[in-house]
Each structure stands twice: as structure tokens, then as C-alpha cells.
Amino acid sequence: MINKIRMDFKKNIAFTSLIKINGRLSEFNFRKRGESHYDIDTNDDRGNRLFLKMEKQEEEWRIVDIGVPAWLIKSENLISEAIKNEEYK
């Protein structure tokens, strides 16, 4: 008798996007975690690594971390657009 083994694979979705914020191009790295979460990292103007999470809320992607620098909060719609553009590919 042959036993059938079923293996479920989850697709790892990761991408990088250049986003112009405050007149400067910044590289953002995205990694999808489940259907409604992304982990994102980028550098500030001093080269320090910043990490944030975005969550899908009512068809829009929103930053859900506390303590994220104001320039990222103000650019939430640009970061959200990068996710949407990748999803439509």
C-alpha cells in the first residue's frame, strides 16, 4: 500500500521598492506575512535600519507600529501604493 503525503507550501513573497520621500529615494524591503501583514525595513538619512509593520485595514495598508518616525507616518500612502503595485503584477 502506498501512503500519500500531502505537503502544503506557502509562497514566500518578498520585494524591494524605491520610494521617493522628502526629495530622496529610499529603498524599502517588503516581506509578506500572511494575507494581511507585511514586515518592512528601510534606512533613515543616517543609515540606521528602521523596521515597521503594515496591516491591511478596510482595503488599505496602514502602519501598525508605535514609535515609527514621523516621516514614515506621513509617507504611509506612498508605502501602501508600493504594496498595491506589487500585488497587481
PDB file of N, CA and C in Angstrom:
ATOM      1  N   MET A   1       0.841  -1.181   0.000  1.00  0.00           N
ATOM      2  CA  MET A   1       0.000   0.000   0.000  1.00  0.00           C
ATOM      3  C   MET A   1       0.890   1.251   0.000  1.00  0.00           C
ATOM      4  N   ILE A   2       0.553   2.190  -0.832  1.00  0.00           N
ATOM      5  CA  ILE A   2       1.319   3.428  -0.946  1.00  0.00           C
ATOM      6  C   ILE A   2       0.625   4.510  -0.125  1.00  0.00           C
ATOM      7  N   ASN A   3       1.390   5.123   0.766  1.00  0.00           N
ATOM      8  CA  ASN A   3       0.867   6.237   1.553  1.00  0.00           C
ATOM      9  C   ASN A   3       1.118   7.529   0.803  1.00  0.00           C
ATOM     10  N   LYS A   4       0.107   8.338   0.725  1.00  0.00           N
ATOM     11  CA  LYS A   4       0.248   9.640   0.082  1.00  0.00           C
ATOM     12  C   LYS A   4       0.507  10.684   1.159  1.00  0.00           C
ATOM     13  N   ILE A   5       1.542  11.439   0.929  1.00  0.00           N
ATOM     14  CA  ILE A   5       1.874  12.511   1.855  1.00  0.00           C
ATOM     15  C   ILE A   5       1.557  13.829   1.173  1.00  0.00           C
ATOM     16  N   ARG A   6       0.789  14.627   1.861  1.00  0.00           N
ATOM     17  CA  ARG A   6       0.435  15.936   1.312  1.00  0.00           C
ATOM     18  C   ARG A   6       1.288  16.994   2.004  1.00  0.00           C
ATOM     19  N   MET A   7       1.959  17.764   1.199  1.00  0.00           N
ATOM     20  CA  MET A   7       2.782  18.838   1.739  1.00  0.00           C
ATOM     21  C   MET A   7       2.225  20.166   1.245  1.00  0.00           C
ATOM     22  N   ASP A   8       1.934  21.019   2.185  1.00  0.00           N
ATOM     23  CA  ASP A   8       1.462  22.351   1.835  1.00  0.00           C
ATOM     24  C   ASP A   8       2.645  23.310   1.824  1.00  0.00           C
ATOM     25  N   PHE A   9       2.763  24.069   0.754  1.00  0.00           N
ATOM     26  CA  PHE A   9       3.819  25.047   0.631  1.00  0.00           C
ATOM     27  C   PHE A   9       3.218  26.436   0.639  1.00  0.00           C
ATOM     28  N   LYS A  10       3.831  27.308   1.395  1.00  0.00           N
ATOM     29  CA  LYS A  10       3.414  28.705   1.403  1.00  0.00           C
ATOM     30  C   LYS A  10       4.433  29.495   0.602  1.00  0.00           C
ATOM     31  N   LYS A  11       3.941  30.295  -0.290  1.00  0.00           N
ATOM     32  CA  LYS A  11       4.795  31.110  -1.147  1.00  0.00           C
ATOM     33  C   LYS A  11       5.418  32.240  -0.326  1.00  0.00           C
ATOM     34  N   ASN A  12       6.733  32.378  -0.439  1.00  0.00           N
ATOM     35  CA  ASN A  12       7.440  33.457   0.230  1.00  0.00           C
ATOM     36  C   ASN A  12       7.430  34.665  -0.705  1.00  0.00           C
ATOM     37  N   ILE A  13       6.775  35.718  -0.285  1.00  0.00           N
ATOM     38  CA  ILE A  13       6.688  36.909  -1.118  1.00  0.00           C
ATOM     39  C   ILE A  13       7.541  38.006  -0.493  1.00  0.00           C
ATOM     40  N   ALA A  14       8.550  38.423  -1.226  1.00  0.00           N
ATOM     41  CA  ALA A  14       9.432  39.497  -0.782  1.00  0.00           C
ATOM     42  C   ALA A  14       9.804  40.334  -2.001  1.00  0.00           C
ATOM     43  N   PHE A  15       9.880  41.635  -1.808  1.00  0.00           N
ATOM     44  CA  PHE A  15      10.277  42.519  -2.906  1.00  0.00           C
ATOM     45  C   PHE A  15      10.892  43.793  -2.346  1.00  0.00           C
ATOM     46  N   THR A  16      11.585  44.495  -3.198  1.00  0.00           N
ATOM     47  CA  THR A  16      12.216  45.765  -2.851  1.00  0.00           C
ATOM     48  C   THR A  16      11.648  46.843  -3.756  1.00  0.00           C
ATOM     49  N   SER A  17      11.441  48.016  -3.179  1.00  0.00           N
ATOM     50  CA  SER A  17      10.899  49.125  -3.956  1.00  0.00           C
ATOM     51  C   SER A  17      11.630  50.411  -3.580  1.00  0.00           C
ATOM     52  N   LEU A  18      11.932  51.232  -4.578  1.00  0.00           N
ATOM     53  CA  LEU A  18      12.492  52.559  -4.326  1.00  0.00           C
ATOM     54  C   LEU A  18      11.349  53.557  -4.269  1.00  0.00           C
ATOM     55  N   ILE A  19      11.286  54.301  -3.174  1.00  0.00           N
ATOM     56  CA  ILE A  19      10.211  55.270  -2.971  1.00  0.00           C
ATOM     57  C   ILE A  19      10.843  56.626  -2.693  1.00  0.00           C
ATOM     58  N   LYS A  20      10.373  57.648  -3.405  1.00  0.00           N
ATOM     59  CA  LYS A  20      10.910  58.998  -3.207  1.00  0.00           C
ATOM     60  C   LYS A  20      10.130  59.681  -2.083  1.00  0.00           C
ATOM     61  N   ILE A  21      10.859  59.974  -1.003  1.00  0.00           N
ATOM     62  CA  ILE A  21      10.268  60.630   0.167  1.00  0.00           C
ATOM     63  C   ILE A  21      11.140  61.819   0.528  1.00  0.00           C
ATOM     64  N   ASN A  22      10.534  62.973   0.679  1.00  0.00           N
ATOM     65  CA  ASN A  22      11.253  64.206   1.018  1.00  0.00           C
ATOM     66  C   ASN A  22      12.391  64.486   0.036  1.00  0.00           C
ATOM     67  N   GLY A  23      12.149  64.237  -1.243  1.00  0.00           N
ATOM     68  CA  GLY A  23      13.129  64.528  -2.277  1.00  0.00           C
ATOM     69  C   GLY A  23      14.285  63.540  -2.366  1.00  0.00           C
ATOM     70  N   ARG A  24      14.179  62.430  -1.653  1.00  0.00           N
ATOM     71  CA  ARG A  24      15.271  61.445  -1.626  1.00  0.00           C
ATOM     72  C   ARG A  24      14.708  60.056  -1.870  1.00  0.00           C
ATOM     73  N   LEU A  25      15.409  59.271  -2.721  1.00  0.00           N
ATOM     74  CA  LEU A  25      14.992  57.894  -2.965  1.00  0.00           C
ATOM     75  C   LEU A  25      15.419  57.012  -1.794  1.00  0.00           C
ATOM     76  N   SER A  26      14.472  56.254  -1.271  1.00  0.00           N
ATOM     77  CA  SER A  26      14.755  55.323  -0.181  1.00  0.00           C
ATOM     78  C   SER A  26      14.377  53.924  -0.627  1.00  0.00           C
ATOM     79  N   GLU A  27      15.222  52.967  -0.267  1.00  0.00           N
ATOM     80  CA  GLU A  27      14.950  51.573  -0.597  1.00  0.00           C
ATOM     81  C   GLU A  27      14.151  50.940   0.538  1.00  0.00           C
ATOM     82  N   PHE A  28      13.027  50.337   0.184  1.00  0.00           N
ATOM     83  CA  PHE A  28      12.169  49.645   1.140  1.00  0.00           C
ATOM     84  C   PHE A  28      12.139  48.171   0.781  1.00  0.00           C
ATOM     85  N   ASN A  29      12.366  47.325   1.773  1.00  0.00           N
ATOM     86  CA  ASN A  29      12.298  45.868   1.604  1.00  0.00           C
ATOM     87  C   ASN A  29      11.018  45.372   2.263  1.00  0.00           C
ATOM     88  N   PHE A  30      10.238  44.612   1.520  1.00  0.00           N
ATOM     89  CA  PHE A  30       8.940  44.122   1.982  1.00  0.00           C
ATOM     90  C   PHE A  30       8.967  42.594   2.065  1.00  0.00           C
ATOM     91  N   ARG A  31       8.378  42.053   3.115  1.00  0.00           N
ATOM     92  CA  ARG A  31       8.207  40.599   3.234  1.00  0.00           C
ATOM     93  C   ARG A  31       6.781  40.348   3.736  1.00  0.00           C
ATOM     94  N   LYS A  32       6.027  39.610   2.945  1.00  0.00           N
ATOM     95  CA  LYS A  32       4.629  39.341   3.283  1.00  0.00           C
ATOM     96  C   LYS A  32       4.546  38.276   4.367  1.00  0.00           C
ATOM     97  N   ARG A  33       3.732  38.541   5.385  1.00  0.00           N
ATOM     98  CA  ARG A  33       3.496  37.622   6.494  1.00  0.00           C
ATOM     99  C   ARG A  33       1.987  37.377   6.586  1.00  0.00           C
ATOM    100  N   GLY A  34       1.519  36.306   5.981  1.00  0.00           N
ATOM    101  CA  GLY A  34       0.083  36.048   5.968  1.00  0.00           C
ATOM    102  C   GLY A  34      -0.602  36.879   4.904  1.00  0.00           C
ATOM    103  N   GLU A  35      -1.900  36.877   4.959  1.00  0.00           N
ATOM    104  CA  GLU A  35      -2.681  37.591   3.936  1.00  0.00           C
ATOM    105  C   GLU A  35      -2.792  39.086   4.178  1.00  0.00           C
ATOM    106  N   SER A  36      -2.589  39.518   5.419  1.00  0.00           N
ATOM    107  CA  SER A  36      -2.863  40.925   5.701  1.00  0.00           C
ATOM    108  C   SER A  36      -1.743  41.639   6.457  1.00  0.00           C
ATOM    109  N   HIS A  37      -0.512  41.139   6.373  1.00  0.00           N
ATOM    110  CA  HIS A  37       0.600  41.781   7.074  1.00  0.00           C
ATOM    111  C   HIS A  37       1.862  41.797   6.213  1.00  0.00           C
ATOM    112  N   TYR A  38       2.606  42.887   6.327  1.00  0.00           N
ATOM    113  CA  TYR A  38       3.931  42.994   5.720  1.00  0.00           C
ATOM    114  C   TYR A  38       4.908  43.489   6.775  1.00  0.00           C
ATOM    115  N   ASP A  39       6.103  42.889   6.803  1.00  0.00           N
ATOM    116  CA  ASP A  39       7.230  43.427   7.553  1.00  0.00           C
ATOM    117  C   ASP A  39       8.040  44.236   6.556  1.00  0.00           C
ATOM    118  N   ILE A  40       8.447  45.436   6.963  1.00  0.00           N
ATOM    119  CA  ILE A  40       9.140  46.352   6.066  1.00  0.00           C
ATOM    120  C   ILE A  40      10.372  46.900   6.772  1.00  0.00           C
ATOM    121  N   ASP A  41      11.453  47.060   6.034  1.00  0.00           N
ATOM    122  CA  ASP A  41      12.621  47.728   6.596  1.00  0.00           C
ATOM    123  C   ASP A  41      13.188  48.704   5.573  1.00  0.00           C
ATOM    124  N   THR A  42      13.811  49.743   6.116  1.00  0.00           N
ATOM    125  CA  THR A  42      14.413  50.786   5.309  1.00  0.00           C
ATOM    126  C   THR A  42      15.493  51.464   6.141  1.00  0.00           C
ATOM    127  N   ASN A  43      16.213  52.405   5.576  1.00  0.00           N
ATOM    128  CA  ASN A  43      17.224  53.191   6.299  1.00  0.00           C
ATOM    129  C   ASN A  43      16.745  54.613   6.474  1.00  0.00           C
ATOM    130  N   ASP A  44      17.153  55.234   7.584  1.00  0.00           N
ATOM    131  CA  ASP A  44      16.912  56.663   7.722  1.00  0.00           C
ATOM    132  C   ASP A  44      18.071  57.411   7.068  1.00  0.00           C
ATOM    133  N   ASP A  45      18.065  58.737   7.168  1.00  0.00           N
ATOM    134  CA  ASP A  45      19.102  59.526   6.480  1.00  0.00           C
ATOM    135  C   ASP A  45      20.493  59.348   7.084  1.00  0.00           C
ATOM    136  N   ARG A  46      20.590  58.735   8.259  1.00  0.00           N
ATOM    137  CA  ARG A  46      21.891  58.462   8.886  1.00  0.00           C
ATOM    138  C   ARG A  46      22.364  57.030   8.649  1.00  0.00           C
ATOM    139  N   GLY A  47      21.554  56.264   7.935  1.00  0.00           N
ATOM    140  CA  GLY A  47      21.916  54.880   7.652  1.00  0.00           C
ATOM    141  C   GLY A  47      21.439  53.880   8.685  1.00  0.00           C
ATOM    142  N   ASN A  48      20.699  54.345   9.703  1.00  0.00           N
ATOM    143  CA  ASN A  48      20.148  53.438  10.712  1.00  0.00           C
ATOM    144  C   ASN A  48      18.992  52.636  10.123  1.00  0.00           C
ATOM    145  N   ARG A  49      18.945  51.354  10.423  1.00  0.00           N
ATOM    146  CA  ARG A  49      17.890  50.479   9.901  1.00  0.00           C
ATOM    147  C   ARG A  49      16.617  50.701  10.695  1.00  0.00           C
ATOM    148  N   LEU A  50      15.512  50.893   9.992  1.00  0.00           N
ATOM    149  CA  LEU A  50      14.198  51.072  10.603  1.00  0.00           C
ATOM    150  C   LEU A  50      13.301  49.912  10.189  1.00  0.00           C
ATOM    151  N   PHE A  51      12.520  49.409  11.132  1.00  0.00           N
ATOM    152  CA  PHE A  51      11.613  48.299  10.876  1.00  0.00           C
ATOM    153  C   PHE A  51      10.196  48.724  11.229  1.00  0.00           C
ATOM    154  N   LEU A  52       9.252  48.310  10.388  1.00  0.00           N
ATOM    155  CA  LEU A  52       7.846  48.602  10.658  1.00  0.00           C
ATOM    156  C   LEU A  52       6.977  47.499  10.095  1.00  0.00           C
ATOM    157  N   LYS A  53       5.741  47.485  10.556  1.00  0.00           N
ATOM    158  CA  LYS A  53       4.758  46.518  10.070  1.00  0.00           C
ATOM    159  C   LYS A  53       3.581  47.275   9.490  1.00  0.00           C
ATOM    160  N   MET A  54       3.032  46.714   8.416  1.00  0.00           N
ATOM    161  CA  MET A  54       1.810  47.269   7.847  1.00  0.00           C
ATOM    162  C   MET A  54       0.760  46.180   7.820  1.00  0.00           C
ATOM    163  N   GLU A  55      -0.471  46.589   8.028  1.00  0.00           N
ATOM    164  CA  GLU A  55      -1.596  45.666   8.079  1.00  0.00           C
ATOM    165  C   GLU A  55      -2.698  46.190   7.167  1.00  0.00           C
ATOM    166  N   LYS A  56      -3.366  45.263   6.504  1.00  0.00           N
ATOM    167  CA  LYS A  56      -4.472  45.653   5.626  1.00  0.00           C
ATOM    168  C   LYS A  56      -5.710  45.890   6.473  1.00  0.00           C
ATOM    169  N   GLN A  57      -6.241  47.106   6.390  1.00  0.00           N
ATOM    170  CA  GLN A  57      -7.431  47.504   7.135  1.00  0.00           C
ATOM    171  C   GLN A  57      -8.405  48.157   6.172  1.00  0.00           C
ATOM    172  N   GLU A  58      -9.531  47.507   5.986  1.00  0.00           N
ATOM    173  CA  GLU A  58     -10.563  48.041   5.082  1.00  0.00           C
ATOM    174  C   GLU A  58      -9.991  48.377   3.706  1.00  0.00           C
ATOM    175  N   GLU A  59      -9.288  47.422   3.113  1.00  0.00           N
ATOM    176  CA  GLU A  59      -8.717  47.524   1.768  1.00  0.00           C
ATOM    177  C   GLU A  59      -7.576  48.529   1.639  1.00  0.00           C
ATOM    178  N   GLU A  60      -7.090  49.093   2.737  1.00  0.00           N
ATOM    179  CA  GLU A  60      -5.941  49.997   2.712  1.00  0.00           C
ATOM    180  C   GLU A  60      -4.853  49.453   3.621  1.00  0.00           C
ATOM    181  N   TRP A  61      -3.605  49.664   3.249  1.00  0.00           N
ATOM    182  CA  TRP A  61      -2.470  49.243   4.062  1.00  0.00           C
ATOM    183  C   TRP A  61      -2.102  50.360   5.019  1.00  0.00           C
ATOM    184  N   ARG A  62      -2.024  50.021   6.331  1.00  0.00           N
ATOM    185  CA  ARG A  62      -1.758  51.004   7.383  1.00  0.00           C
ATOM    186  C   ARG A  62      -0.566  50.574   8.235  1.00  0.00           C
ATOM    187  N   ILE A  63       0.219  51.529   8.677  1.00  0.00           N
ATOM    188  CA  ILE A  63       1.317  51.255   9.608  1.00  0.00           C
ATOM    189  C   ILE A  63       0.706  50.961  10.971  1.00  0.00           C
ATOM    190  N   VAL A  64       1.124  49.859  11.588  1.00  0.00           N
ATOM    191  CA  VAL A  64       0.546  49.466  12.877  1.00  0.00           C
ATOM    192  C   VAL A  64       1.543  49.543  14.032  1.00  0.00           C
ATOM    193  N   ASP A  65       2.775  49.938  13.782  1.00  0.00           N
ATOM    194  CA  ASP A  65       3.778  50.049  14.846  1.00  0.00           C
ATOM    195  C   ASP A  65       3.697  51.395  15.549  1.00  0.00           C
ATOM    196  N   ILE A  66       4.061  51.376  16.808  1.00  0.00           N
ATOM    197  CA  ILE A  66       4.171  52.610  17.602  1.00  0.00           C
ATOM    198  C   ILE A  66       5.636  53.034  17.574  1.00  0.00           C
ATOM    199  N   GLY A  67       5.875  54.330  17.521  1.00  0.00           N
ATOM    200  CA  GLY A  67       7.240  54.834  17.562  1.00  0.00           C
ATOM    201  C   GLY A  67       7.920  54.933  16.211  1.00  0.00           C
ATOM    202  N   VAL A  68       7.160  54.805  15.148  1.00  0.00           N
ATOM    203  CA  VAL A  68       7.712  54.953  13.796  1.00  0.00           C
ATOM    204  C   VAL A  68       7.955  56.446  13.553  1.00  0.00           C
ATOM    205  N   PRO A  69       9.092  56.812  12.964  1.00  0.00           N
ATOM    206  CA  PRO A  69       9.372  58.232  12.713  1.00  0.00           C
ATOM    207  C   PRO A  69       8.259  58.909  11.902  1.00  0.00           C
ATOM    208  N   ALA A  70       8.094  60.186  12.170  1.00  0.00           N
ATOM    209  CA  ALA A  70       7.017  60.962  11.542  1.00  0.00           C
ATOM    210  C   ALA A  70       7.107  60.947  10.022  1.00  0.00           C
ATOM    211  N   TRP A  71       8.342  60.967   9.461  1.00  0.00           N
ATOM    212  CA  TRP A  71       8.468  60.990   8.007  1.00  0.00           C
ATOM    213  C   TRP A  71       7.908  59.722   7.374  1.00  0.00           C
ATOM    214  N   LEU A  72       7.955  58.598   8.094  1.00  0.00           N
ATOM    215  CA  LEU A  72       7.349  57.368   7.576  1.00  0.00           C
ATOM    216  C   LEU A  72       5.828  57.413   7.703  1.00  0.00           C
ATOM    217  N   ILE A  73       5.342  57.925   8.813  1.00  0.00           N
ATOM    218  CA  ILE A  73       3.886  58.044   9.002  1.00  0.00           C
ATOM    219  C   ILE A  73       3.297  58.935   7.904  1.00  0.00           C
ATOM    220  N   LYS A  74       3.956  60.060   7.616  1.00  0.00           N
ATOM    221  CA  LYS A  74       3.478  60.983   6.579  1.00  0.00           C
ATOM    222  C   LYS A  74       3.515  60.348   5.190  1.00  0.00           C
ATOM    223  N   SER A  75       4.384  59.350   5.021  1.00  0.00           N
ATOM    224  CA  SER A  75       4.548  58.693   3.717  1.00  0.00           C
ATOM    225  C   SER A  75       3.807  57.362   3.637  1.00  0.00           C
ATOM    226  N   GLU A  76       2.910  57.114   4.581  1.00  0.00           N
ATOM    227  CA  GLU A  76       2.188  55.846   4.631  1.00  0.00           C
ATOM    228  C   GLU A  76       1.494  55.530   3.300  1.00  0.00           C
ATOM    229  N   ASN A  77       0.903  56.530   2.667  1.00  0.00           N
ATOM    230  CA  ASN A  77       0.193  56.279   1.405  1.00  0.00           C
ATOM    231  C   ASN A  77       1.156  55.870   0.283  1.00  0.00           C
ATOM    232  N   LEU A  78       2.380  56.401   0.267  1.00  0.00           N
ATOM    233  CA  LEU A  78       3.366  56.010  -0.747  1.00  0.00           C
ATOM    234  C   LEU A  78       3.826  54.568  -0.538  1.00  0.00           C
ATOM    235  N   ILE A  79       4.027  54.194   0.712  1.00  0.00           N
ATOM    236  CA  ILE A  79       4.440  52.826   1.031  1.00  0.00           C
ATOM    237  C   ILE A  79       3.308  51.860   0.696  1.00  0.00           C
ATOM    238  N   SER A  80       2.091  52.266   1.009  1.00  0.00           N
ATOM    239  CA  SER A  80       0.907  51.463   0.691  1.00  0.00           C
ATOM    240  C   SER A  80       0.777  51.252  -0.821  1.00  0.00           C
ATOM    241  N   GLU A  81       1.041  52.289  -1.596  1.00  0.00           N
ATOM    242  CA  GLU A  81       0.976  52.190  -3.055  1.00  0.00           C
ATOM    243  C   GLU A  81       1.989  51.181  -3.599  1.00  0.00           C
ATOM    244  N   ALA A  82       3.171  51.141  -2.981  1.00  0.00           N
ATOM    245  CA  ALA A  82       4.188  50.178  -3.414  1.00  0.00           C
ATOM    246  C   ALA A  82       3.682  48.755  -3.229  1.00  0.00           C
ATOM    247  N   ILE A  83       2.990  48.498  -2.130  1.00  0.00           N
ATOM    248  CA  ILE A  83       2.415  47.165  -1.891  1.00  0.00           C
ATOM    249  C   ILE A  83       1.343  46.877  -2.924  1.00  0.00           C
ATOM    250  N   LYS A  84       0.459  47.814  -3.135  1.00  0.00           N
ATOM    251  CA  LYS A  84      -0.636  47.616  -4.102  1.00  0.00           C
ATOM    252  C   LYS A  84      -0.085  47.359  -5.504  1.00  0.00           C
ATOM    253  N   ASN A  85       0.930  48.119  -5.895  1.00  0.00           N
ATOM    254  CA  ASN A  85       1.527  47.932  -7.232  1.00  0.00           C
ATOM    255  C   ASN A  85       2.113  46.541  -7.375  1.00  0.00           C
ATOM    256  N   GLU A  86       2.736  46.033  -6.348  1.00  0.00           N
ATOM    257  CA  GLU A  86       3.327  44.695  -6.398  1.00  0.00           C
ATOM    258  C   GLU A  86       2.239  43.629  -6.452  1.00  0.00           C
ATOM    259  N   GLU A  87       1.171  43.824  -5.735  1.00  0.00           N
ATOM    260  CA  GLU A  87       0.079  42.846  -5.703  1.00  0.00           C
ATOM    261  C   GLU A  87      -0.633  42.743  -7.044  1.00  0.00           C
ATOM    262  N   TYR A  88      -0.636  43.832  -7.819  1.00  0.00           N
ATOM    263  CA  TYR A  88      -1.342  43.825  -9.099  1.00  0.00           C
ATOM    264  C   TYR A  88      -0.497  43.263 -10.240  1.00  0.00           C
ATOM    265  N   LYS A  89       0.762  42.927  -9.955  1.00  0.00           N
ATOM    266  CA  LYS A  89       1.628  42.373 -11.009  1.00  0.00           C
ATOM    267  C   LYS A  89       1.242  40.950 -11.325  1.00  0.00           C
TER     268      LYS A  89
END
